[in-house]
Amino acid sequence: MERPTSERTRLSTDSPIWRRFFTVAPLVVVGTREPSGEHDLAPKHMATPIGWENRFGFVCRPSHATQRNAERTGQFTISFPRPDAFLQAGLAASGRADDDSKPALAALPVREAEAVDGVVLEDAYLWLECELDRIVPGFEPATLIVGRIVAASADERYLRTADGDDADVIRQAPLLAYLSPGRFAEIRESRSFPLPADFSV
């Protein structure tokens, strides 16, 4: 079987390259508490576990309410939306009104977090409650916000089991992926990655 050939195109790094092609990322909704006591929810795709312990981070900007709220309260939540909740994740990106509120958030089903002062998105499959660990500046104009996970819960259908087939878990409980920039996908099919037997993740 012949391998497909492709032409390599050099990309200029004089400006950001990320809008020239698609990359796969998780899509999470970050929850924080506003100074007024209202909750704020904002979707993020530059988000990932940090290291092998219970830390999670996402990229934000100092000018965004998400970062200001996390700095002020020292807490935030992370919700991983199910694929059927992609519209809700989109609503969380709605703009602010003149009074700095986000009226669209009233349409999103939420519930109170258990260990931190905040809310999580109801229609999700994984919920993380975090205490602020650190904010790492220097990615102008962005920062990396890292939290220590103090509570976590998951939809049982999404959990791996010792005697189950991982492919079946993903097929029966599909994942939402963000295809940056501006698209999304539902992941149902997966395969085991061919790692060497002595490889340690």
Protein backbone atom coordinates (compact mmCIF):
# COMPACT_ATOMS: atom_id res chain seq x y z
CA MET A 1 0.00 0.00 0.00
CA GLU A 2 1.46 3.31 -1.07
CA ARG A 3 1.79 6.07 1.49
CA PRO A 4 0.03 9.28 0.50
CA THR A 5 2.38 12.07 -0.47
CA SER A 6 1.98 15.67 0.57
CA GLU A 7 3.63 18.96 -0.14
CA ARG A 8 5.19 20.67 2.86
CA THR A 9 4.30 24.35 3.25
CA ARG A 10 6.51 26.55 5.38
CA LEU A 11 4.50 28.74 7.77
CA SER A 12 5.63 32.20 8.75
CA THR A 13 6.15 32.60 12.49
CA ASP A 14 5.99 36.40 12.28
CA SER A 15 2.42 36.02 13.54
CA PRO A 16 0.57 33.22 15.39
CA ILE A 17 0.29 30.08 13.27
CA TRP A 18 -2.69 28.45 15.04
CA ARG A 19 -5.47 29.63 12.71
CA ARG A 20 -3.82 28.07 9.66
CA PHE A 21 -4.78 24.47 10.54
CA PHE A 22 -6.89 22.42 12.95
CA THR A 23 -5.72 20.91 16.23
CA VAL A 24 -7.62 18.66 18.62
CA ALA A 25 -8.20 19.86 22.19
CA PRO A 26 -10.54 19.18 25.09
CA LEU A 27 -13.35 21.63 25.69
CA VAL A 28 -14.01 22.56 29.30
CA VAL A 29 -16.17 25.13 31.03
CA VAL A 30 -14.45 27.01 33.84
CA GLY A 31 -16.64 28.23 36.69
CA THR A 32 -15.73 31.13 38.99
CA ARG A 33 -17.56 33.39 41.43
CA GLU A 34 -18.12 37.05 40.54
CA PRO A 35 -17.64 39.84 43.13
CA SER A 36 -21.44 40.23 43.09
CA GLY A 37 -21.85 36.62 44.20
CA GLU A 38 -23.17 35.52 40.79
CA HIS A 39 -21.41 32.68 39.03
CA ASP A 40 -19.47 33.02 35.81
CA LEU A 41 -18.90 30.24 33.28
CA ALA A 42 -16.47 30.41 30.37
CA PRO A 43 -15.41 27.78 27.83
CA LYS A 44 -11.70 27.08 27.43
CA HIS A 45 -9.87 24.72 25.09
CA MET A 46 -6.27 25.38 26.09
CA ALA A 47 -6.75 23.17 29.13
CA THR A 48 -4.96 20.07 30.41
CA PRO A 49 -3.83 18.06 33.42
CA ILE A 50 -0.55 19.51 34.70
CA GLY A 51 1.87 16.73 35.59
CA TRP A 52 0.83 13.32 36.91
CA GLU A 53 -0.68 14.47 40.20
CA ASN A 54 -4.08 16.10 40.78
CA ARG A 55 -3.45 19.44 39.14
CA PHE A 56 -5.27 20.98 36.19
CA GLY A 57 -4.47 24.11 34.22
CA PHE A 58 -5.94 26.34 31.56
CA VAL A 59 -4.83 29.37 29.61
CA CYS A 60 -6.57 32.68 30.25
CA ARG A 61 -5.89 36.43 30.18
CA PRO A 62 -5.52 38.88 33.07
CA SER A 63 -8.21 41.03 31.45
CA HIS A 64 -10.80 38.23 31.63
CA ALA A 65 -13.22 37.88 34.54
CA THR A 66 -12.29 34.19 34.82
CA GLN A 67 -8.73 35.01 35.84
CA ARG A 68 -9.69 37.96 38.04
CA ASN A 69 -12.27 35.83 39.87
CA ALA A 70 -9.88 32.89 40.32
CA GLU A 71 -7.21 35.21 41.70
CA ARG A 72 -9.65 36.90 44.08
CA THR A 73 -11.35 33.78 45.43
CA GLY A 74 -8.52 31.26 45.05
CA GLN A 75 -10.98 28.74 43.58
CA PHE A 76 -12.50 27.56 40.32
CA THR A 77 -14.38 24.60 38.86
CA ILE A 78 -13.92 22.64 35.66
CA SER A 79 -16.78 20.91 33.80
CA PHE A 80 -16.20 18.64 30.81
CA PRO A 81 -19.42 18.96 28.74
CA ARG A 82 -20.98 15.95 27.07
CA PRO A 83 -21.28 16.14 23.26
CA ASP A 84 -25.03 16.85 23.53
CA ALA A 85 -24.22 19.96 25.61
CA PHE A 86 -22.13 21.73 22.97
CA LEU A 87 -24.73 24.52 22.72
CA GLN A 88 -24.47 25.16 26.44
CA ALA A 89 -20.70 25.41 26.18
CA GLY A 90 -21.20 27.93 23.40
CA LEU A 91 -23.65 29.97 25.48
CA ALA A 92 -21.03 30.22 28.21
CA ALA A 93 -18.96 32.25 25.73
CA SER A 94 -21.70 34.88 25.37
CA GLY A 95 -20.72 38.50 25.79
CA ARG A 96 -21.40 40.68 28.78
CA ALA A 97 -24.18 43.24 29.10
CA ASP A 98 -23.60 46.90 29.98
CA ASP A 99 -23.79 46.03 33.69
CA ASP A 100 -21.00 43.43 33.18
CA SER A 101 -23.42 40.50 33.69
CA LYS A 102 -23.78 37.53 31.32
CA PRO A 103 -27.56 37.04 30.88
CA ALA A 104 -27.11 33.90 28.75
CA LEU A 105 -25.83 32.03 31.80
CA ALA A 106 -29.36 31.94 33.21
CA ALA A 107 -30.20 29.35 30.53
CA LEU A 108 -27.49 26.93 31.63
CA PRO A 109 -28.36 24.14 34.10
CA VAL A 110 -25.83 24.23 36.94
CA ARG A 111 -25.43 22.82 40.42
CA GLU A 112 -23.40 23.92 43.40
CA ALA A 113 -19.90 22.56 43.80
CA GLU A 114 -19.26 20.45 46.89
CA ALA A 115 -15.80 21.51 48.10
CA VAL A 116 -15.32 25.02 46.69
CA ASP A 117 -17.55 28.08 46.37
CA GLY A 118 -18.82 27.78 42.81
CA VAL A 119 -21.02 25.92 40.38
CA VAL A 120 -20.49 23.23 37.77
CA LEU A 121 -22.29 22.62 34.49
CA GLU A 122 -24.94 19.94 35.00
CA ASP A 123 -24.73 18.42 31.51
CA ALA A 124 -21.13 17.27 31.81
CA TYR A 125 -19.38 13.96 32.39
CA LEU A 126 -16.47 15.07 34.59
CA TRP A 127 -16.39 17.75 37.28
CA LEU A 128 -13.24 19.08 38.98
CA GLU A 129 -13.20 21.46 41.93
CA CYS A 130 -9.93 23.30 42.32
CA GLU A 131 -8.08 25.54 44.69
CA LEU A 132 -5.74 27.96 42.94
CA ASP A 133 -2.19 26.63 42.97
CA ARG A 134 -0.42 29.27 40.90
CA ILE A 135 -0.75 31.69 38.03
CA VAL A 136 2.15 31.60 35.59
CA PRO A 137 2.58 34.79 33.54
CA GLY A 138 4.80 35.31 30.55
CA PHE A 139 2.77 33.95 27.63
CA GLU A 140 1.76 37.43 26.48
CA PRO A 141 -1.02 38.28 26.51
CA ALA A 142 -1.93 34.97 28.19
CA THR A 143 -1.27 33.32 31.53
CA LEU A 144 -1.43 29.73 32.70
CA ILE A 145 -3.77 29.18 35.64
CA VAL A 146 -3.08 26.00 37.62
CA GLY A 147 -5.38 24.54 40.24
CA ARG A 148 -5.00 21.73 42.75
CA ILE A 149 -7.97 19.37 42.46
CA VAL A 150 -9.62 19.05 45.88
CA ALA A 151 -12.78 17.24 44.72
CA ALA A 152 -13.72 15.32 41.59
CA SER A 153 -16.72 13.38 40.36
CA ALA A 154 -17.69 11.69 37.12
CA ASP A 155 -20.70 10.30 35.30
CA GLU A 156 -20.45 6.58 36.00
CA ARG A 157 -20.95 5.71 32.33
CA TYR A 158 -17.62 7.42 31.53
CA LEU A 159 -15.51 5.55 34.05
CA ARG A 160 -13.02 2.89 33.02
CA THR A 161 -13.26 -0.51 34.72
CA ALA A 162 -10.61 -3.17 35.29
CA ASP A 163 -12.54 -5.82 33.35
CA GLY A 164 -14.10 -3.55 30.73
CA ASP A 165 -13.06 -2.66 27.19
CA ASP A 166 -11.92 0.96 26.91
CA ALA A 167 -13.19 1.13 23.32
CA ASP A 168 -16.68 0.20 24.54
CA VAL A 169 -16.60 2.94 27.18
CA ILE A 170 -15.88 5.62 24.57
CA ARG A 171 -18.37 4.14 22.09
CA GLN A 172 -21.17 4.15 24.66
CA ALA A 173 -20.20 7.44 26.32
CA PRO A 174 -18.69 9.65 23.58
CA LEU A 175 -16.41 12.59 24.27
CA LEU A 176 -16.62 16.19 23.07
CA ALA A 177 -13.50 17.53 21.36
CA TYR A 178 -12.80 21.08 20.25
CA LEU A 179 -11.18 21.35 16.82
CA SER A 180 -9.44 24.70 17.04
CA PRO A 181 -10.26 27.07 15.49
CA GLY A 182 -14.03 27.06 15.77
CA ARG A 183 -15.22 23.50 15.20
CA PHE A 184 -16.11 20.53 17.40
CA ALA A 185 -16.42 16.77 17.08
CA GLU A 186 -17.94 13.83 18.90
CA ILE A 187 -15.45 11.05 19.54
CA ARG A 188 -16.95 7.55 19.54
CA GLU A 189 -14.27 5.40 17.94
CA SER A 190 -10.82 4.78 19.39
CA ARG A 191 -7.95 2.30 19.23
CA SER A 192 -5.24 1.24 21.63
CA PHE A 193 -2.04 3.18 21.06
CA PRO A 194 0.84 0.82 20.08
CA LEU A 195 3.22 1.58 22.95
CA PRO A 196 6.24 -0.67 23.56
CA ALA A 197 5.67 -3.18 26.36
CA ASP A 198 8.27 -1.52 28.62
CA PHE A 199 7.04 2.03 28.04
CA SER A 200 5.80 3.92 31.09
CA VAL A 201 3.44 6.89 30.59
